[in-house]
């Protein structure tokens, strides 16, 4: 019985870590789509787009470095940090798309 419980916990842990990686990837794709939509609609200027893309690329580099340092996984602290940074980037995308500047 102990062996089954231990195996179940390991499987659950792997599923949770897999889901969070999928969620991070999905959110990256969503934010990339929001930037592209802003460019297409003219809501984002070239400068705003470049700035957002630079921030997005930096976040992606950070995620790759964190995963490389931890054998392909992110720690819970790193996931929280990435989530905060994605929240900040999301707010910046919104502000840039809804300011008075247009292309």
PDB file of N, CA and C in Angstrom:
ATOM      1  N   UNK A   1       0.826  -1.191   0.000  1.00  0.00           N
ATOM      2  CA  UNK A   1       0.000   0.000   0.000  1.00  0.00           C
ATOM      3  C   UNK A   1       0.875   1.262   0.000  1.00  0.00           C
ATOM      4  N   UNK A   2       1.958   1.246   0.780  1.00  0.00           N
ATOM      5  CA  UNK A   2       2.847   2.411   0.821  1.00  0.00           C
ATOM      6  C   UNK A   2       3.452   2.665  -0.554  1.00  0.00           C
ATOM      7  N   UNK A   3       3.806   1.583  -1.245  1.00  0.00           N
ATOM      8  CA  UNK A   3       4.422   1.719  -2.557  1.00  0.00           C
ATOM      9  C   UNK A   3       3.439   2.369  -3.538  1.00  0.00           C
ATOM     10  N   UNK A   4       2.169   1.972  -3.504  1.00  0.00           N
ATOM     11  CA  UNK A   4       1.147   2.538  -4.377  1.00  0.00           C
ATOM     12  C   UNK A   4       0.961   4.026  -4.079  1.00  0.00           C
ATOM     13  N   UNK A   5       0.901   4.385  -2.806  1.00  0.00           N
ATOM     14  CA  UNK A   5       0.722   5.785  -2.422  1.00  0.00           C
ATOM     15  C   UNK A   5       1.906   6.630  -2.884  1.00  0.00           C
ATOM     16  N   UNK A   6       3.111   6.095  -2.720  1.00  0.00           N
ATOM     17  CA  UNK A   6       4.310   6.806  -3.134  1.00  0.00           C
ATOM     18  C   UNK A   6       4.320   6.995  -4.649  1.00  0.00           C
ATOM     19  N   UNK A   7       3.984   5.948  -5.390  1.00  0.00           N
ATOM     20  CA  UNK A   7       3.943   6.025  -6.848  1.00  0.00           C
ATOM     21  C   UNK A   7       2.882   7.024  -7.299  1.00  0.00           C
ATOM     22  N   UNK A   8       1.749   7.029  -6.621  1.00  0.00           N
ATOM     23  CA  UNK A   8       0.680   7.973  -6.961  1.00  0.00           C
ATOM     24  C   UNK A   8       1.124   9.413  -6.738  1.00  0.00           C
ATOM     25  N   UNK A   9       1.848   9.644  -5.637  1.00  0.00           N
ATOM     26  CA  UNK A   9       2.340  10.993  -5.356  1.00  0.00           C
ATOM     27  C   UNK A   9       3.339  11.452  -6.414  1.00  0.00           C
ATOM     28  N   UNK A  10       4.205  10.556  -6.826  1.00  0.00           N
ATOM     29  CA  UNK A  10       5.187  10.902  -7.855  1.00  0.00           C
ATOM     30  C   UNK A  10       4.477  11.234  -9.165  1.00  0.00           C
ATOM     31  N   UNK A  11       3.511  10.401  -9.543  1.00  0.00           N
ATOM     32  CA  UNK A  11       2.769  10.640 -10.781  1.00  0.00           C
ATOM     33  C   UNK A  11       2.012  11.971 -10.715  1.00  0.00           C
ATOM     34  N   UNK A  12       1.405  12.257  -9.587  1.00  0.00           N
ATOM     35  CA  UNK A  12       0.683  13.519  -9.428  1.00  0.00           C
ATOM     36  C   UNK A  12       1.641  14.701  -9.522  1.00  0.00           C
ATOM     37  N   UNK A  13       2.804  14.565  -8.924  1.00  0.00           N
ATOM     38  CA  UNK A  13       3.804  15.639  -8.990  1.00  0.00           C
ATOM     39  C   UNK A  13       4.275  15.891 -10.401  1.00  0.00           C
ATOM     40  N   UNK A  14       4.452  14.826 -11.172  1.00  0.00           N
ATOM     41  CA  UNK A  14       4.864  14.981 -12.557  1.00  0.00           C
ATOM     42  C   UNK A  14       3.770  15.643 -13.383  1.00  0.00           C
ATOM     43  N   UNK A  15       2.529  15.292 -13.123  1.00  0.00           N
ATOM     44  CA  UNK A  15       1.424  15.893 -13.854  1.00  0.00           C
ATOM     45  C   UNK A  15       1.310  17.376 -13.538  1.00  0.00           C
ATOM     46  N   UNK A  16       1.472  17.744 -12.278  1.00  0.00           N
ATOM     47  CA  UNK A  16       1.382  19.150 -11.884  1.00  0.00           C
ATOM     48  C   UNK A  16       2.497  19.953 -12.537  1.00  0.00           C
ATOM     49  N   UNK A  17       3.729  19.425 -12.504  1.00  0.00           N
ATOM     50  CA  UNK A  17       4.825  20.173 -13.106  1.00  0.00           C
ATOM     51  C   UNK A  17       4.652  20.261 -14.610  1.00  0.00           C
ATOM     52  N   UNK A  18       4.086  19.219 -15.236  1.00  0.00           N
ATOM     53  CA  UNK A  18       3.821  19.264 -16.664  1.00  0.00           C
ATOM     54  C   UNK A  18       2.761  20.292 -17.005  1.00  0.00           C
ATOM     55  N   UNK A  19       1.736  20.385 -16.199  1.00  0.00           N
ATOM     56  CA  UNK A  19       0.672  21.353 -16.444  1.00  0.00           C
ATOM     57  C   UNK A  19       1.193  22.776 -16.331  1.00  0.00           C
ATOM     58  N   UNK A  20       2.011  23.030 -15.348  1.00  0.00           N
ATOM     59  CA  UNK A  20       2.502  24.398 -15.194  1.00  0.00           C
ATOM     60  C   UNK A  20       3.387  24.791 -16.364  1.00  0.00           C
ATOM     61  N   UNK A  21       4.165  23.870 -16.883  1.00  0.00           N
ATOM     62  CA  UNK A  21       4.991  24.173 -18.049  1.00  0.00           C
ATOM     63  C   UNK A  21       4.100  24.457 -19.254  1.00  0.00           C
ATOM     64  N   UNK A  22       3.004  23.690 -19.389  1.00  0.00           N
ATOM     65  CA  UNK A  22       2.065  23.918 -20.477  1.00  0.00           C
ATOM     66  C   UNK A  22       1.368  25.268 -20.311  1.00  0.00           C
ATOM     67  N   UNK A  23       1.030  25.593 -19.082  1.00  0.00           N
ATOM     68  CA  UNK A  23       0.369  26.873 -18.816  1.00  0.00           C
ATOM     69  C   UNK A  23       1.284  28.039 -19.146  1.00  0.00           C
ATOM     70  N   UNK A  24       2.562  27.923 -18.801  1.00  0.00           N
ATOM     71  CA  UNK A  24       3.527  28.979 -19.108  1.00  0.00           C
ATOM     72  C   UNK A  24       3.633  29.145 -20.612  1.00  0.00           C
ATOM     73  N   UNK A  25       3.744  28.036 -21.330  1.00  0.00           N
ATOM     74  CA  UNK A  25       3.859  28.079 -22.788  1.00  0.00           C
ATOM     75  C   UNK A  25       2.609  28.684 -23.414  1.00  0.00           C
ATOM     76  N   UNK A  26       1.446  28.278 -22.938  1.00  0.00           N
ATOM     77  CA  UNK A  26       0.177  28.799 -23.473  1.00  0.00           C
ATOM     78  C   UNK A  26       0.078  30.307 -23.243  1.00  0.00           C
ATOM     79  N   UNK A  27       0.504  30.740 -22.072  1.00  0.00           N
ATOM     80  CA  UNK A  27       0.444  32.168 -21.765  1.00  0.00           C
ATOM     81  C   UNK A  27       1.409  32.950 -22.651  1.00  0.00           C
ATOM     82  N   UNK A  28       2.599  32.390 -22.906  1.00  0.00           N
ATOM     83  CA  UNK A  28       3.549  33.046 -23.802  1.00  0.00           C
ATOM     84  C   UNK A  28       2.933  33.208 -25.194  1.00  0.00           C
ATOM     85  N   UNK A  29       2.300  32.151 -25.670  1.00  0.00           N
ATOM     86  CA  UNK A  29       1.675  32.199 -26.987  1.00  0.00           C
ATOM     87  C   UNK A  29       0.543  33.229 -27.014  1.00  0.00           C
ATOM     88  N   UNK A  30      -0.254  33.266 -25.961  1.00  0.00           N
ATOM     89  CA  UNK A  30      -1.356  34.215 -25.880  1.00  0.00           C
ATOM     90  C   UNK A  30      -0.842  35.658 -25.917  1.00  0.00           C
ATOM     91  N   UNK A  31       0.206  35.933 -25.157  1.00  0.00           N
ATOM     92  CA  UNK A  31       0.736  37.292 -25.133  1.00  0.00           C
ATOM     93  C   UNK A  31       1.365  37.652 -26.471  1.00  0.00           C
ATOM     94  N   UNK A  32       2.001  36.682 -27.127  1.00  0.00           N
ATOM     95  CA  UNK A  32       2.566  36.923 -28.451  1.00  0.00           C
ATOM     96  C   UNK A  32       1.444  37.250 -29.438  1.00  0.00           C
ATOM     97  N   UNK A  33       0.322  36.533 -29.321  1.00  0.00           N
ATOM     98  CA  UNK A  33      -0.836  36.802 -30.180  1.00  0.00           C
ATOM     99  C   UNK A  33      -1.408  38.196 -29.919  1.00  0.00           C
ATOM    100  N   UNK A  34      -1.444  38.612 -28.665  1.00  0.00           N
ATOM    101  CA  UNK A  34      -1.955  39.943 -28.322  1.00  0.00           C
ATOM    102  C   UNK A  34      -1.071  41.031 -28.920  1.00  0.00           C
ATOM    103  N   UNK A  35       0.241  40.822 -28.892  1.00  0.00           N
ATOM    104  CA  UNK A  35       1.164  41.792 -29.489  1.00  0.00           C
ATOM    105  C   UNK A  35       0.946  41.845 -30.999  1.00  0.00           C
ATOM    106  N   UNK A  36       0.852  40.679 -31.629  1.00  0.00           N
ATOM    107  CA  UNK A  36       0.646  40.626 -33.081  1.00  0.00           C
ATOM    108  C   UNK A  36      -0.667  41.303 -33.471  1.00  0.00           C
ATOM    109  N   UNK A  37      -1.713  41.093 -32.685  1.00  0.00           N
ATOM    110  CA  UNK A  37      -3.002  41.719 -32.966  1.00  0.00           C
ATOM    111  C   UNK A  37      -2.897  43.239 -32.842  1.00  0.00           C
ATOM    112  N   UNK A  38      -2.140  43.697 -31.854  1.00  0.00           N
ATOM    113  CA  UNK A  38      -1.938  45.134 -31.678  1.00  0.00           C
ATOM    114  C   UNK A  38      -1.194  45.767 -32.834  1.00  0.00           C
ATOM    115  N   UNK A  39      -0.224  45.035 -33.377  1.00  0.00           N
ATOM    116  CA  UNK A  39       0.509  45.522 -34.547  1.00  0.00           C
ATOM    117  C   UNK A  39      -0.430  45.579 -35.749  1.00  0.00           C
ATOM    118  N   UNK A  40      -1.175  44.499 -35.945  1.00  0.00           N
ATOM    119  CA  UNK A  40      -2.072  44.413 -37.100  1.00  0.00           C
ATOM    120  C   UNK A  40      -3.151  45.502 -37.067  1.00  0.00           C
ATOM    121  N   UNK A  41      -3.676  45.784 -35.892  1.00  0.00           N
ATOM    122  CA  UNK A  41      -4.743  46.782 -35.783  1.00  0.00           C
ATOM    123  C   UNK A  41      -4.212  48.211 -35.749  1.00  0.00           C
ATOM    124  N   UNK A  42      -2.910  48.364 -35.581  1.00  0.00           N
ATOM    125  CA  UNK A  42      -2.325  49.696 -35.502  1.00  0.00           C
ATOM    126  C   UNK A  42      -2.337  50.277 -34.090  1.00  0.00           C
ATOM    127  N   UNK A  43      -2.745  49.484 -33.093  1.00  0.00           N
ATOM    128  CA  UNK A  43      -2.783  49.960 -31.713  1.00  0.00           C
ATOM    129  C   UNK A  43      -1.388  50.079 -31.110  1.00  0.00           C
ATOM    130  N   UNK A  44      -0.424  49.336 -31.649  1.00  0.00           N
ATOM    131  CA  UNK A  44       0.946  49.387 -31.139  1.00  0.00           C
ATOM    132  C   UNK A  44       1.847  50.059 -32.169  1.00  0.00           C
ATOM    133  N   UNK A  45       2.669  50.980 -31.696  1.00  0.00           N
ATOM    134  CA  UNK A  45       3.657  51.607 -32.569  1.00  0.00           C
ATOM    135  C   UNK A  45       4.845  50.660 -32.719  1.00  0.00           C
ATOM    136  N   UNK A  46       5.728  50.987 -33.636  1.00  0.00           N
ATOM    137  CA  UNK A  46       6.916  50.164 -33.850  1.00  0.00           C
ATOM    138  C   UNK A  46       7.782  50.128 -32.588  1.00  0.00           C
ATOM    139  N   UNK A  47       7.915  51.266 -31.922  1.00  0.00           N
ATOM    140  CA  UNK A  47       8.715  51.333 -30.700  1.00  0.00           C
ATOM    141  C   UNK A  47       8.119  50.514 -29.572  1.00  0.00           C
ATOM    142  N   UNK A  48       6.799  50.613 -29.410  1.00  0.00           N
ATOM    143  CA  UNK A  48       6.127  49.828 -28.370  1.00  0.00           C
ATOM    144  C   UNK A  48       6.277  48.335 -28.644  1.00  0.00           C
ATOM    145  N   UNK A  49       6.125  47.964 -29.905  1.00  0.00           N
ATOM    146  CA  UNK A  49       6.259  46.561 -30.282  1.00  0.00           C
ATOM    147  C   UNK A  49       7.659  46.054 -29.988  1.00  0.00           C
ATOM    148  N   UNK A  50       8.659  46.819 -30.372  1.00  0.00           N
ATOM    149  CA  UNK A  50      10.045  46.423 -30.131  1.00  0.00           C
ATOM    150  C   UNK A  50      10.313  46.259 -28.635  1.00  0.00           C
ATOM    151  N   UNK A  51       9.794  47.179 -27.841  1.00  0.00           N
ATOM    152  CA  UNK A  51       9.984  47.123 -26.394  1.00  0.00           C
ATOM    153  C   UNK A  51       9.331  45.872 -25.805  1.00  0.00           C
ATOM    154  N   UNK A  52       8.102  45.587 -26.214  1.00  0.00           N
ATOM    155  CA  UNK A  52       7.391  44.408 -25.707  1.00  0.00           C
ATOM    156  C   UNK A  52       8.083  43.118 -26.149  1.00  0.00           C
ATOM    157  N   UNK A  53       8.531  43.080 -27.405  1.00  0.00           N
ATOM    158  CA  UNK A  53       9.218  41.889 -27.912  1.00  0.00           C
ATOM    159  C   UNK A  53      10.527  41.655 -27.160  1.00  0.00           C
ATOM    160  N   UNK A  54      11.223  42.742 -26.838  1.00  0.00           N
ATOM    161  CA  UNK A  54      12.480  42.632 -26.092  1.00  0.00           C
ATOM    162  C   UNK A  54      12.220  42.063 -24.700  1.00  0.00           C
ATOM    163  N   UNK A  55      11.169  42.540 -24.035  1.00  0.00           N
ATOM    164  CA  UNK A  55      10.823  42.029 -22.708  1.00  0.00           C
ATOM    165  C   UNK A  55      10.417  40.559 -22.782  1.00  0.00           C
ATOM    166  N   UNK A  56       9.647  40.206 -23.794  1.00  0.00           N
ATOM    167  CA  UNK A  56       9.210  38.822 -23.988  1.00  0.00           C
ATOM    168  C   UNK A  56      10.418  37.910 -24.221  1.00  0.00           C
ATOM    169  N   UNK A  57      11.352  38.349 -25.048  1.00  0.00           N
ATOM    170  CA  UNK A  57      12.551  37.558 -25.323  1.00  0.00           C
ATOM    171  C   UNK A  57      13.389  37.380 -24.052  1.00  0.00           C
ATOM    172  N   UNK A  58      13.495  38.417 -23.252  1.00  0.00           N
ATOM    173  CA  UNK A  58      14.244  38.320 -21.999  1.00  0.00           C
ATOM    174  C   UNK A  58      13.618  37.331 -21.037  1.00  0.00           C
ATOM    175  N   UNK A  59      12.304  37.341 -20.956  1.00  0.00           N
ATOM    176  CA  UNK A  59      11.598  36.396 -20.097  1.00  0.00           C
ATOM    177  C   UNK A  59      11.804  34.968 -20.600  1.00  0.00           C
ATOM    178  N   UNK A  60      11.751  34.780 -21.917  1.00  0.00           N
ATOM    179  CA  UNK A  60      11.983  33.450 -22.485  1.00  0.00           C
ATOM    180  C   UNK A  60      13.392  32.950 -22.189  1.00  0.00           C
ATOM    181  N   UNK A  61      14.390  33.845 -22.275  1.00  0.00           N
ATOM    182  CA  UNK A  61      15.770  33.461 -21.940  1.00  0.00           C
ATOM    183  C   UNK A  61      15.878  33.058 -20.475  1.00  0.00           C
ATOM    184  N   UNK A  62      15.218  33.824 -19.615  1.00  0.00           N
ATOM    185  CA  UNK A  62      15.247  33.506 -18.180  1.00  0.00           C
ATOM    186  C   UNK A  62      14.647  32.127 -17.911  1.00  0.00           C
ATOM    187  N   UNK A  63      13.541  31.823 -18.556  1.00  0.00           N
ATOM    188  CA  UNK A  63      12.897  30.522 -18.375  1.00  0.00           C
ATOM    189  C   UNK A  63      13.835  29.409 -18.833  1.00  0.00           C
ATOM    190  N   UNK A  64      14.467  29.584 -19.985  1.00  0.00           N
ATOM    191  CA  UNK A  64      15.408  28.555 -20.482  1.00  0.00           C
ATOM    192  C   UNK A  64      16.580  28.366 -19.525  1.00  0.00           C
ATOM    193  N   UNK A  65      17.125  29.472 -19.007  1.00  0.00           N
ATOM    194  CA  UNK A  65      18.259  29.363 -18.065  1.00  0.00           C
ATOM    195  C   UNK A  65      17.834  28.658 -16.782  1.00  0.00           C
ATOM    196  N   UNK A  66      16.650  29.017 -16.266  1.00  0.00           N
ATOM    197  CA  UNK A  66      16.167  28.385 -15.032  1.00  0.00           C
ATOM    198  C   UNK A  66      15.965  26.891 -15.230  1.00  0.00           C
ATOM    199  N   UNK A  67      15.386  26.521 -16.359  1.00  0.00           N
ATOM    200  CA  UNK A  67      15.172  25.093 -16.624  1.00  0.00           C
ATOM    201  C   UNK A  67      16.496  24.364 -16.787  1.00  0.00           C
ATOM    202  N   UNK A  68      17.442  24.981 -17.465  1.00  0.00           N
ATOM    203  CA  UNK A  68      18.743  24.348 -17.666  1.00  0.00           C
ATOM    204  C   UNK A  68      19.458  24.140 -16.331  1.00  0.00           C
ATOM    205  N   UNK A  69      19.272  25.058 -15.410  1.00  0.00           N
ATOM    206  CA  UNK A  69      19.930  24.964 -14.107  1.00  0.00           C
ATOM    207  C   UNK A  69      19.286  23.913 -13.209  1.00  0.00           C
ATOM    208  N   UNK A  70      18.049  23.516 -13.525  1.00  0.00           N
ATOM    209  CA  UNK A  70      17.328  22.579 -12.661  1.00  0.00           C
ATOM    210  C   UNK A  70      16.926  21.300 -13.387  1.00  0.00           C
ATOM    211  N   UNK A  71      17.695  20.881 -14.355  1.00  0.00           N
ATOM    212  CA  UNK A  71      17.415  19.632 -15.030  1.00  0.00           C
ATOM    213  C   UNK A  71      16.128  19.634 -15.834  1.00  0.00           C
ATOM    214  N   UNK A  72      15.768  20.751 -16.421  1.00  0.00           N
ATOM    215  CA  UNK A  72      14.582  20.837 -17.267  1.00  0.00           C
ATOM    216  C   UNK A  72      13.305  21.214 -16.544  1.00  0.00           C
ATOM    217  N   UNK A  73      13.360  21.419 -15.257  1.00  0.00           N
ATOM    218  CA  UNK A  73      12.174  21.769 -14.458  1.00  0.00           C
ATOM    219  C   UNK A  73      12.321  23.181 -13.900  1.00  0.00           C
ATOM    220  N   UNK A  74      11.194  23.744 -13.528  1.00  0.00           N
ATOM    221  CA  UNK A  74      11.187  25.024 -12.822  1.00  0.00           C
ATOM    222  C   UNK A  74      10.768  24.768 -11.381  1.00  0.00           C
ATOM    223  N   UNK A  75      11.427  25.428 -10.455  1.00  0.00           N
ATOM    224  CA  UNK A  75      11.014  25.311  -9.059  1.00  0.00           C
ATOM    225  C   UNK A  75       9.727  26.105  -8.866  1.00  0.00           C
ATOM    226  N   UNK A  76       9.037  25.848  -7.774  1.00  0.00           N
ATOM    227  CA  UNK A  76       7.793  26.582  -7.511  1.00  0.00           C
ATOM    228  C   UNK A  76       8.082  28.075  -7.360  1.00  0.00           C
ATOM    229  N   UNK A  77       9.210  28.417  -6.768  1.00  0.00           N
ATOM    230  CA  UNK A  77       9.586  29.830  -6.633  1.00  0.00           C
ATOM    231  C   UNK A  77       9.821  30.456  -8.010  1.00  0.00           C
ATOM    232  N   UNK A  78      10.476  29.720  -8.901  1.00  0.00           N
ATOM    233  CA  UNK A  78      10.713  30.240 -10.250  1.00  0.00           C
ATOM    234  C   UNK A  78       9.396  30.396 -11.014  1.00  0.00           C
ATOM    235  N   UNK A  79       8.470  29.453 -10.839  1.00  0.00           N
ATOM    236  CA  UNK A  79       7.166  29.565 -11.494  1.00  0.00           C
ATOM    237  C   UNK A  79       6.409  30.795 -11.008  1.00  0.00           C
ATOM    238  N   UNK A  80       6.470  31.056  -9.697  1.00  0.00           N
ATOM    239  CA  UNK A  80       5.810  32.258  -9.164  1.00  0.00           C
ATOM    240  C   UNK A  80       6.443  33.520  -9.737  1.00  0.00           C
ATOM    241  N   UNK A  81       7.759  33.533  -9.811  1.00  0.00           N
ATOM    242  CA  UNK A  81       8.484  34.681 -10.358  1.00  0.00           C
ATOM    243  C   UNK A  81       8.098  34.906 -11.824  1.00  0.00           C
ATOM    244  N   UNK A  82       8.056  33.841 -12.593  1.00  0.00           N
ATOM    245  CA  UNK A  82       7.692  33.944 -14.000  1.00  0.00           C
ATOM    246  C   UNK A  82       6.256  34.435 -14.132  1.00  0.00           C
ATOM    247  N   UNK A  83       5.371  33.934 -13.284  1.00  0.00           N
ATOM    248  CA  UNK A  83       3.979  34.372 -13.320  1.00  0.00           C
ATOM    249  C   UNK A  83       3.875  35.871 -13.045  1.00  0.00           C
ATOM    250  N   UNK A  84       4.626  36.358 -12.059  1.00  0.00           N
ATOM    251  CA  UNK A  84       4.613  37.800 -11.770  1.00  0.00           C
ATOM    252  C   UNK A  84       5.124  38.595 -12.968  1.00  0.00           C
ATOM    253  N   UNK A  85       6.187  38.102 -13.599  1.00  0.00           N
ATOM    254  CA  UNK A  85       6.742  38.806 -14.753  1.00  0.00           C
ATOM    255  C   UNK A  85       5.767  38.771 -15.931  1.00  0.00           C
ATOM    256  N   UNK A  86       5.076  37.636 -16.111  1.00  0.00           N
ATOM    257  CA  UNK A  86       4.082  37.562 -17.175  1.00  0.00           C
ATOM    258  C   UNK A  86       2.905  38.491 -16.886  1.00  0.00           C
ATOM    259  N   UNK A  87       2.517  38.607 -15.622  1.00  0.00           N
ATOM    260  CA  UNK A  87       1.454  39.553 -15.252  1.00  0.00           C
ATOM    261  C   UNK A  87       1.869  40.979 -15.602  1.00  0.00           C
ATOM    262  N   UNK A  88       3.098  41.322 -15.270  1.00  0.00           N
ATOM    263  CA  UNK A  88       3.606  42.664 -15.541  1.00  0.00           C
ATOM    264  C   UNK A  88       3.644  42.932 -17.048  1.00  0.00           C
ATOM    265  N   UNK A  89       4.105  41.957 -17.812  1.00  0.00           N
ATOM    266  CA  UNK A  89       4.154  42.103 -19.258  1.00  0.00           C
ATOM    267  C   UNK A  89       2.743  42.219 -19.840  1.00  0.00           C
ATOM    268  N   UNK A  90       1.812  41.458 -19.295  1.00  0.00           N
ATOM    269  CA  UNK A  90       0.425  41.521 -19.751  1.00  0.00           C
ATOM    270  C   UNK A  90      -0.157  42.920 -19.532  1.00  0.00           C
ATOM    271  N   UNK A  91       0.099  43.487 -18.362  1.00  0.00           N
ATOM    272  CA  UNK A  91      -0.378  44.850 -18.089  1.00  0.00           C
ATOM    273  C   UNK A  91       0.258  45.859 -19.044  1.00  0.00           C
ATOM    274  N   UNK A  92       1.547  45.656 -19.364  1.00  0.00           N
ATOM    275  CA  UNK A  92       2.232  46.565 -20.283  1.00  0.00           C
ATOM    276  C   UNK A  92       1.645  46.463 -21.681  1.00  0.00           C
ATOM    277  N   UNK A  93       1.328  45.252 -22.112  1.00  0.00           N
ATOM    278  CA  UNK A  93       0.696  45.079 -23.425  1.00  0.00           C
ATOM    279  C   UNK A  93      -0.628  45.836 -23.446  1.00  0.00           C
ATOM    280  N   UNK A  94      -1.425  45.666 -22.409  1.00  0.00           N
ATOM    281  CA  UNK A  94      -2.720  46.352 -22.339  1.00  0.00           C
ATOM    282  C   UNK A  94      -2.544  47.868 -22.392  1.00  0.00           C
ATOM    283  N   UNK A  95      -1.632  48.390 -21.561  1.00  0.00           N
ATOM    284  CA  UNK A  95      -1.419  49.844 -21.519  1.00  0.00           C
ATOM    285  C   UNK A  95      -0.962  50.373 -22.873  1.00  0.00           C
ATOM    286  N   UNK A  96      -0.031  49.663 -23.503  1.00  0.00           N
ATOM    287  CA  UNK A  96       0.475  50.119 -24.796  1.00  0.00           C
ATOM    288  C   UNK A  96      -0.609  50.068 -25.877  1.00  0.00           C
ATOM    289  N   UNK A  97      -1.451  49.046 -25.822  1.00  0.00           N
ATOM    290  CA  UNK A  97      -2.506  48.933 -26.829  1.00  0.00           C
ATOM    291  C   UNK A  97      -3.607  49.975 -26.628  1.00  0.00           C
ATOM    292  N   UNK A  98      -3.783  50.447 -25.403  1.00  0.00           N
ATOM    293  CA  UNK A  98      -4.892  51.350 -25.104  1.00  0.00           C
ATOM    294  C   UNK A  98      -4.471  52.790 -24.842  1.00  0.00           C
ATOM    295  N   UNK A  99      -3.233  53.135 -25.160  1.00  0.00           N
ATOM    296  CA  UNK A  99      -2.833  54.530 -25.007  1.00  0.00           C
ATOM    297  C   UNK A  99      -3.207  55.298 -26.285  1.00  0.00           C
ATOM    298  N   UNK A 100      -2.921  56.556 -26.312  1.00  0.00           N
ATOM    299  CA  UNK A 100      -3.339  57.401 -27.438  1.00  0.00           C
ATOM    300  C   UNK A 100      -2.438  57.235 -28.671  1.00  0.00           C
ATOM    301  N   UNK A 101      -1.338  56.517 -28.525  1.00  0.00           N
ATOM    302  CA  UNK A 101      -0.412  56.363 -29.652  1.00  0.00           C
ATOM    303  C   UNK A 101      -0.935  55.290 -30.597  1.00  0.00           C
ATOM    304  N   UNK A 102      -0.926  55.625 -31.894  1.00  0.00           N
ATOM    305  CA  UNK A 102      -1.333  54.674 -32.921  1.00  0.00           C
ATOM    306  C   UNK A 102      -0.362  54.738 -34.078  1.00  0.00           C
ATOM    307  N   UNK A 103      -0.280  53.664 -34.796  1.00  0.00           N
ATOM    308  CA  UNK A 103       0.622  53.602 -35.927  1.00  0.00           C
ATOM    309  C   UNK A 103      -0.011  54.241 -37.118  1.00  0.00           C
TER     310      UNK A 103
END
